[in-house]
């Protein structure tokens, strides 16, 4: 929203992997059950290259997660 207000427009959603600037094509919904209720989920976006890495990162910590193709909220 701020980018649009400043005349910059909206950028395409990008991968959440540190240092990656590729377009996101996956959504990973997850939560940390020690601090989040079942209703609260965080969203990470992933490119095709990093979806597996991000999924495994969260799964190794036993966080409940759901991976879906596409980017939630994208037009």
PDB file of N, CA and C in Angstrom:
ATOM      1  N   UNK A   1       0.813  -1.181   0.000  1.00  0.00           N
ATOM      2  CA  UNK A   1       0.000   0.000   0.000  1.00  0.00           C
ATOM      3  C   UNK A   1       0.863   1.254   0.000  1.00  0.00           C
ATOM      4  N   UNK A   2       1.881   1.313   0.831  1.00  0.00           N
ATOM      5  CA  UNK A   2       2.722   2.505   0.908  1.00  0.00           C
ATOM      6  C   UNK A   2       3.396   2.767  -0.427  1.00  0.00           C
ATOM      7  N   UNK A   3       3.894   1.708  -1.079  1.00  0.00           N
ATOM      8  CA  UNK A   3       4.524   1.891  -2.384  1.00  0.00           C
ATOM      9  C   UNK A   3       3.575   2.523  -3.371  1.00  0.00           C
ATOM     10  N   UNK A   4       2.312   2.141  -3.329  1.00  0.00           N
ATOM     11  CA  UNK A   4       1.331   2.706  -4.235  1.00  0.00           C
ATOM     12  C   UNK A   4       1.079   4.173  -3.897  1.00  0.00           C
ATOM     13  N   UNK A   5       1.024   4.512  -2.613  1.00  0.00           N
ATOM     14  CA  UNK A   5       0.807   5.895  -2.202  1.00  0.00           C
ATOM     15  C   UNK A   5       1.962   6.793  -2.615  1.00  0.00           C
ATOM     16  N   UNK A   6       3.143   6.245  -2.647  1.00  0.00           N
ATOM     17  CA  UNK A   6       4.322   7.020  -3.020  1.00  0.00           C
ATOM     18  C   UNK A   6       4.573   7.005  -4.520  1.00  0.00           C
ATOM     19  N   UNK A   7       3.674   6.394  -5.269  1.00  0.00           N
ATOM     20  CA  UNK A   7       3.804   6.371  -6.717  1.00  0.00           C
ATOM     21  C   UNK A   7       4.670   5.254  -7.241  1.00  0.00           C
ATOM     22  N   UNK A   8       5.105   4.357  -6.379  1.00  0.00           N
ATOM     23  CA  UNK A   8       5.972   3.270  -6.802  1.00  0.00           C
ATOM     24  C   UNK A   8       5.229   2.072  -7.338  1.00  0.00           C
ATOM     25  N   UNK A   9       3.924   2.017  -7.121  1.00  0.00           N
ATOM     26  CA  UNK A   9       3.149   0.865  -7.560  1.00  0.00           C
ATOM     27  C   UNK A   9       3.440  -0.340  -6.690  1.00  0.00           C
ATOM     28  N   UNK A  10       2.824  -1.451  -7.040  1.00  0.00           N
ATOM     29  CA  UNK A  10       3.019  -2.682  -6.286  1.00  0.00           C
ATOM     30  C   UNK A  10       3.992  -3.580  -7.013  1.00  0.00           C
ATOM     31  N   UNK A  11       4.919  -4.151  -6.281  1.00  0.00           N
ATOM     32  CA  UNK A  11       5.827  -5.139  -6.855  1.00  0.00           C
ATOM     33  C   UNK A  11       5.147  -6.497  -6.802  1.00  0.00           C
ATOM     34  N   UNK A  12       5.567  -7.382  -7.685  1.00  0.00           N
ATOM     35  CA  UNK A  12       5.063  -8.754  -7.647  1.00  0.00           C
ATOM     36  C   UNK A  12       5.554  -9.407  -6.359  1.00  0.00           C
ATOM     37  N   UNK A  13       4.756 -10.271  -5.748  1.00  0.00           N
ATOM     38  CA  UNK A  13       5.199 -10.964  -4.529  1.00  0.00           C
ATOM     39  C   UNK A  13       6.480 -11.756  -4.792  1.00  0.00           C
ATOM     40  N   UNK A  14       7.419 -11.688  -3.857  1.00  0.00           N
ATOM     41  CA  UNK A  14       8.692 -12.383  -4.019  1.00  0.00           C
ATOM     42  C   UNK A  14       8.871 -13.446  -2.943  1.00  0.00           C
ATOM     43  N   UNK A  15       9.784 -14.335  -3.196  1.00  0.00           N
ATOM     44  CA  UNK A  15      10.110 -15.447  -2.311  1.00  0.00           C
ATOM     45  C   UNK A  15      10.574 -14.934  -0.947  1.00  0.00           C
ATOM     46  N   UNK A  16      10.183 -15.637   0.108  1.00  0.00           N
ATOM     47  CA  UNK A  16      10.562 -15.271   1.477  1.00  0.00           C
ATOM     48  C   UNK A  16      11.951 -15.758   1.880  1.00  0.00           C
ATOM     49  N   UNK A  17      12.585 -16.583   1.072  1.00  0.00           N
ATOM     50  CA  UNK A  17      13.933 -17.082   1.382  1.00  0.00           C
ATOM     51  C   UNK A  17      14.895 -15.906   1.378  1.00  0.00           C
ATOM     52  N   UNK A  18      15.715 -15.803   2.406  1.00  0.00           N
ATOM     53  CA  UNK A  18      16.670 -14.706   2.525  1.00  0.00           C
ATOM     54  C   UNK A  18      17.524 -14.594   1.267  1.00  0.00           C
ATOM     55  N   UNK A  19      17.593 -13.393   0.729  1.00  0.00           N
ATOM     56  CA  UNK A  19      18.431 -13.126  -0.432  1.00  0.00           C
ATOM     57  C   UNK A  19      17.809 -13.475  -1.769  1.00  0.00           C
ATOM     58  N   UNK A  20      16.636 -14.083  -1.774  1.00  0.00           N
ATOM     59  CA  UNK A  20      15.990 -14.466  -3.035  1.00  0.00           C
ATOM     60  C   UNK A  20      15.030 -13.361  -3.464  1.00  0.00           C
ATOM     61  N   UNK A  21      15.087 -13.016  -4.736  1.00  0.00           N
ATOM     62  CA  UNK A  21      14.214 -11.978  -5.281  1.00  0.00           C
ATOM     63  C   UNK A  21      13.342 -12.513  -6.407  1.00  0.00           C
ATOM     64  N   UNK A  22      13.233 -13.844  -6.485  1.00  0.00           N
ATOM     65  CA  UNK A  22      12.417 -14.464  -7.533  1.00  0.00           C
ATOM     66  C   UNK A  22      10.929 -14.303  -7.219  1.00  0.00           C
ATOM     67  N   UNK A  23      10.116 -14.372  -8.252  1.00  0.00           N
ATOM     68  CA  UNK A  23       8.668 -14.279  -8.078  1.00  0.00           C
ATOM     69  C   UNK A  23       8.160 -15.474  -7.274  1.00  0.00           C
ATOM     70  N   UNK A  24       7.269 -15.203  -6.353  1.00  0.00           N
ATOM     71  CA  UNK A  24       6.675 -16.268  -5.542  1.00  0.00           C
ATOM     72  C   UNK A  24       5.612 -17.002  -6.344  1.00  0.00           C
ATOM     73  N   UNK A  25       5.612 -18.329  -6.229  1.00  0.00           N
ATOM     74  CA  UNK A  25       4.615 -19.159  -6.904  1.00  0.00           C
ATOM     75  C   UNK A  25       3.937 -20.120  -5.934  1.00  0.00           C
ATOM     76  N   UNK A  26       4.321 -20.085  -4.663  1.00  0.00           N
ATOM     77  CA  UNK A  26       3.779 -20.963  -3.627  1.00  0.00           C
ATOM     78  C   UNK A  26       3.481 -20.150  -2.375  1.00  0.00           C
ATOM     79  N   UNK A  27       2.494 -20.607  -1.607  1.00  0.00           N
ATOM     80  CA  UNK A  27       2.191 -20.033  -0.297  1.00  0.00           C
ATOM     81  C   UNK A  27       2.376 -21.122   0.753  1.00  0.00           C
ATOM     82  N   UNK A  28       3.099 -20.789   1.816  1.00  0.00           N
ATOM     83  CA  UNK A  28       3.280 -21.708   2.937  1.00  0.00           C
ATOM     84  C   UNK A  28       2.632 -21.054   4.154  1.00  0.00           C
ATOM     85  N   UNK A  29       1.538 -21.648   4.622  1.00  0.00           N
ATOM     86  CA  UNK A  29       0.851 -21.168   5.820  1.00  0.00           C
ATOM     87  C   UNK A  29       1.340 -22.014   6.995  1.00  0.00           C
ATOM     88  N   UNK A  30       1.793 -21.361   8.057  1.00  0.00           N
ATOM     89  CA  UNK A  30       2.355 -22.098   9.181  1.00  0.00           C
ATOM     90  C   UNK A  30       2.089 -21.356  10.480  1.00  0.00           C
ATOM     91  N   UNK A  31       2.340 -22.062  11.586  1.00  0.00           N
ATOM     92  CA  UNK A  31       2.252 -21.429  12.901  1.00  0.00           C
ATOM     93  C   UNK A  31       3.176 -22.143  13.870  1.00  0.00           C
ATOM     94  N   UNK A  32       3.586 -21.419  14.876  1.00  0.00           N
ATOM     95  CA  UNK A  32       4.366 -21.980  15.973  1.00  0.00           C
ATOM     96  C   UNK A  32       3.374 -22.270  17.095  1.00  0.00           C
ATOM     97  N   UNK A  33       3.044 -23.546  17.343  1.00  0.00           N
ATOM     98  CA  UNK A  33       2.006 -23.864  18.325  1.00  0.00           C
ATOM     99  C   UNK A  33       2.350 -23.454  19.756  1.00  0.00           C
ATOM    100  N   UNK A  34       3.601 -23.183  20.034  1.00  0.00           N
ATOM    101  CA  UNK A  34       3.976 -22.741  21.381  1.00  0.00           C
ATOM    102  C   UNK A  34       3.563 -21.301  21.648  1.00  0.00           C
ATOM    103  N   UNK A  35       3.407 -20.510  20.591  1.00  0.00           N
ATOM    104  CA  UNK A  35       3.057 -19.101  20.799  1.00  0.00           C
ATOM    105  C   UNK A  35       1.833 -18.642  20.013  1.00  0.00           C
ATOM    106  N   UNK A  36       1.356 -19.434  19.059  1.00  0.00           N
ATOM    107  CA  UNK A  36       0.198 -19.046  18.249  1.00  0.00           C
ATOM    108  C   UNK A  36      -0.970 -19.988  18.487  1.00  0.00           C
ATOM    109  N   UNK A  37      -2.170 -19.434  18.547  1.00  0.00           N
ATOM    110  CA  UNK A  37      -3.369 -20.268  18.617  1.00  0.00           C
ATOM    111  C   UNK A  37      -3.601 -20.890  17.242  1.00  0.00           C
ATOM    112  N   UNK A  38      -4.497 -21.862  17.177  1.00  0.00           N
ATOM    113  CA  UNK A  38      -4.779 -22.550  15.912  1.00  0.00           C
ATOM    114  C   UNK A  38      -5.330 -21.597  14.854  1.00  0.00           C
ATOM    115  N   UNK A  39      -5.947 -20.505  15.272  1.00  0.00           N
ATOM    116  CA  UNK A  39      -6.520 -19.551  14.320  1.00  0.00           C
ATOM    117  C   UNK A  39      -5.473 -18.640  13.684  1.00  0.00           C
ATOM    118  N   UNK A  40      -4.340 -18.490  14.329  1.00  0.00           N
ATOM    119  CA  UNK A  40      -3.302 -17.579  13.821  1.00  0.00           C
ATOM    120  C   UNK A  40      -2.330 -18.339  12.944  1.00  0.00           C
ATOM    121  N   UNK A  41      -2.195 -17.893  11.705  1.00  0.00           N
ATOM    122  CA  UNK A  41      -1.234 -18.507  10.787  1.00  0.00           C
ATOM    123  C   UNK A  41      -0.389 -17.414  10.160  1.00  0.00           C
ATOM    124  N   UNK A  42       0.851 -17.714   9.949  1.00  0.00           N
ATOM    125  CA  UNK A  42       1.748 -16.808   9.246  1.00  0.00           C
ATOM    126  C   UNK A  42       1.891 -17.320   7.824  1.00  0.00           C
ATOM    127  N   UNK A  43       2.152 -16.430   6.898  1.00  0.00           N
ATOM    128  CA  UNK A  43       2.314 -16.810   5.500  1.00  0.00           C
ATOM    129  C   UNK A  43       3.710 -16.471   5.021  1.00  0.00           C
ATOM    130  N   UNK A  44       4.343 -17.445   4.423  1.00  0.00           N
ATOM    131  CA  UNK A  44       5.582 -17.234   3.698  1.00  0.00           C
ATOM    132  C   UNK A  44       5.290 -17.518   2.236  1.00  0.00           C
ATOM    133  N   UNK A  45       5.960 -16.801   1.377  1.00  0.00           N
ATOM    134  CA  UNK A  45       5.845 -17.033  -0.057  1.00  0.00           C
ATOM    135  C   UNK A  45       7.132 -17.674  -0.536  1.00  0.00           C
ATOM    136  N   UNK A  46       7.029 -18.521  -1.560  1.00  0.00           N
ATOM    137  CA  UNK A  46       8.213 -19.230  -2.045  1.00  0.00           C
ATOM    138  C   UNK A  46       8.209 -19.312  -3.561  1.00  0.00           C
ATOM    139  N   UNK A  47       9.411 -19.292  -4.120  1.00  0.00           N
ATOM    140  CA  UNK A  47       9.581 -19.570  -5.548  1.00  0.00           C
ATOM    141  C   UNK A  47       9.710 -21.091  -5.701  1.00  0.00           C
ATOM    142  N   UNK A  48       9.715 -21.555  -6.939  1.00  0.00           N
ATOM    143  CA  UNK A  48       9.822 -23.001  -7.176  1.00  0.00           C
ATOM    144  C   UNK A  48      11.112 -23.585  -6.598  1.00  0.00           C
ATOM    145  N   UNK A  49      12.191 -22.824  -6.651  1.00  0.00           N
ATOM    146  CA  UNK A  49      13.479 -23.328  -6.162  1.00  0.00           C
ATOM    147  C   UNK A  49      13.512 -23.498  -4.645  1.00  0.00           C
ATOM    148  N   UNK A  50      12.836 -22.627  -3.907  1.00  0.00           N
ATOM    149  CA  UNK A  50      12.969 -22.623  -2.451  1.00  0.00           C
ATOM    150  C   UNK A  50      11.772 -23.177  -1.681  1.00  0.00           C
ATOM    151  N   UNK A  51      10.709 -23.588  -2.352  1.00  0.00           N
ATOM    152  CA  UNK A  51       9.541 -24.096  -1.623  1.00  0.00           C
ATOM    153  C   UNK A  51       9.915 -25.310  -0.769  1.00  0.00           C
ATOM    154  N   UNK A  52      10.722 -26.198  -1.283  1.00  0.00           N
ATOM    155  CA  UNK A  52      11.147 -27.375  -0.522  1.00  0.00           C
ATOM    156  C   UNK A  52      11.994 -27.001   0.679  1.00  0.00           C
ATOM    157  N   UNK A  53      12.923 -26.074   0.490  1.00  0.00           N
ATOM    158  CA  UNK A  53      13.785 -25.633   1.587  1.00  0.00           C
ATOM    159  C   UNK A  53      12.958 -25.029   2.721  1.00  0.00           C
ATOM    160  N   UNK A  54      12.045 -24.120   2.381  1.00  0.00           N
ATOM    161  CA  UNK A  54      11.241 -23.470   3.406  1.00  0.00           C
ATOM    162  C   UNK A  54      10.303 -24.466   4.089  1.00  0.00           C
ATOM    163  N   UNK A  55       9.736 -25.387   3.325  1.00  0.00           N
ATOM    164  CA  UNK A  55       8.869 -26.424   3.897  1.00  0.00           C
ATOM    165  C   UNK A  55       9.658 -27.258   4.902  1.00  0.00           C
ATOM    166  N   UNK A  56      10.849 -27.708   4.520  1.00  0.00           N
ATOM    167  CA  UNK A  56      11.668 -28.536   5.411  1.00  0.00           C
ATOM    168  C   UNK A  56      12.139 -27.767   6.643  1.00  0.00           C
ATOM    169  N   UNK A  57      12.452 -26.490   6.486  1.00  0.00           N
ATOM    170  CA  UNK A  57      12.860 -25.649   7.605  1.00  0.00           C
ATOM    171  C   UNK A  57      11.773 -25.639   8.680  1.00  0.00           C
ATOM    172  N   UNK A  58      10.525 -25.456   8.264  1.00  0.00           N
ATOM    173  CA  UNK A  58       9.409 -25.420   9.210  1.00  0.00           C
ATOM    174  C   UNK A  58       9.068 -26.806   9.746  1.00  0.00           C
ATOM    175  N   UNK A  59       9.090 -27.810   8.881  1.00  0.00           N
ATOM    176  CA  UNK A  59       8.767 -29.180   9.296  1.00  0.00           C
ATOM    177  C   UNK A  59       9.779 -29.700  10.319  1.00  0.00           C
ATOM    178  N   UNK A  60      11.040 -29.327  10.185  1.00  0.00           N
ATOM    179  CA  UNK A  60      12.078 -29.767  11.121  1.00  0.00           C
ATOM    180  C   UNK A  60      11.811 -29.248  12.534  1.00  0.00           C
ATOM    181  N   UNK A  61      11.041 -28.180  12.637  1.00  0.00           N
ATOM    182  CA  UNK A  61      10.694 -27.603  13.935  1.00  0.00           C
ATOM    183  C   UNK A  61       9.312 -28.067  14.406  1.00  0.00           C
ATOM    184  N   UNK A  62       8.731 -29.014  13.667  1.00  0.00           N
ATOM    185  CA  UNK A  62       7.407 -29.563  13.985  1.00  0.00           C
ATOM    186  C   UNK A  62       6.309 -28.508  13.985  1.00  0.00           C
ATOM    187  N   UNK A  63       6.453 -27.489  13.140  1.00  0.00           N
ATOM    188  CA  UNK A  63       5.404 -26.489  13.014  1.00  0.00           C
ATOM    189  C   UNK A  63       4.335 -27.010  12.062  1.00  0.00           C
ATOM    190  N   UNK A  64       3.059 -26.903  12.436  1.00  0.00           N
ATOM    191  CA  UNK A  64       1.999 -27.265  11.493  1.00  0.00           C
ATOM    192  C   UNK A  64       2.084 -26.340  10.277  1.00  0.00           C
ATOM    193  N   UNK A  65       1.985 -26.920   9.086  1.00  0.00           N
ATOM    194  CA  UNK A  65       2.084 -26.098   7.885  1.00  0.00           C
ATOM    195  C   UNK A  65       1.245 -26.668   6.761  1.00  0.00           C
ATOM    196  N   UNK A  66       0.926 -25.795   5.826  1.00  0.00           N
ATOM    197  CA  UNK A  66       0.175 -26.170   4.632  1.00  0.00           C
ATOM    198  C   UNK A  66       0.809 -25.442   3.454  1.00  0.00           C
ATOM    199  N   UNK A  67       1.150 -26.198   2.419  1.00  0.00           N
ATOM    200  CA  UNK A  67       1.771 -25.624   1.227  1.00  0.00           C
ATOM    201  C   UNK A  67       0.766 -25.690   0.087  1.00  0.00           C
ATOM    202  N   UNK A  68       0.534 -24.549  -0.554  1.00  0.00           N
ATOM    203  CA  UNK A  68      -0.394 -24.512  -1.678  1.00  0.00           C
ATOM    204  C   UNK A  68       0.243 -23.798  -2.858  1.00  0.00           C
ATOM    205  N   UNK A  69      -0.080 -24.282  -4.044  1.00  0.00           N
ATOM    206  CA  UNK A  69       0.399 -23.631  -5.262  1.00  0.00           C
ATOM    207  C   UNK A  69      -0.320 -22.296  -5.414  1.00  0.00           C
ATOM    208  N   UNK A  70       0.410 -21.309  -5.888  1.00  0.00           N
ATOM    209  CA  UNK A  70      -0.160 -19.979  -6.061  1.00  0.00           C
ATOM    210  C   UNK A  70       0.140 -19.106  -4.862  1.00  0.00           C
ATOM    211  N   UNK A  71      -0.184 -17.839  -5.005  1.00  0.00           N
ATOM    212  CA  UNK A  71       0.085 -16.867  -3.950  1.00  0.00           C
ATOM    213  C   UNK A  71      -1.246 -16.335  -3.446  1.00  0.00           C
ATOM    214  N   UNK A  72      -1.527 -16.548  -2.159  1.00  0.00           N
ATOM    215  CA  UNK A  72      -2.781 -16.073  -1.573  1.00  0.00           C
ATOM    216  C   UNK A  72      -2.901 -14.571  -1.732  1.00  0.00           C
ATOM    217  N   UNK A  73      -4.073 -14.133  -2.165  1.00  0.00           N
ATOM    218  CA  UNK A  73      -4.331 -12.710  -2.296  1.00  0.00           C
ATOM    219  C   UNK A  73      -3.811 -12.093  -3.575  1.00  0.00           C
ATOM    220  N   UNK A  74      -3.103 -12.855  -4.404  1.00  0.00           N
ATOM    221  CA  UNK A  74      -2.599 -12.302  -5.663  1.00  0.00           C
ATOM    222  C   UNK A  74      -3.732 -12.226  -6.666  1.00  0.00           C
ATOM    223  N   UNK A  75      -3.720 -11.184  -7.446  1.00  0.00           N
ATOM    224  CA  UNK A  75      -4.774 -10.995  -8.458  1.00  0.00           C
ATOM    225  C   UNK A  75      -4.574 -11.918  -9.628  1.00  0.00           C
TER     226      UNK A  75
END
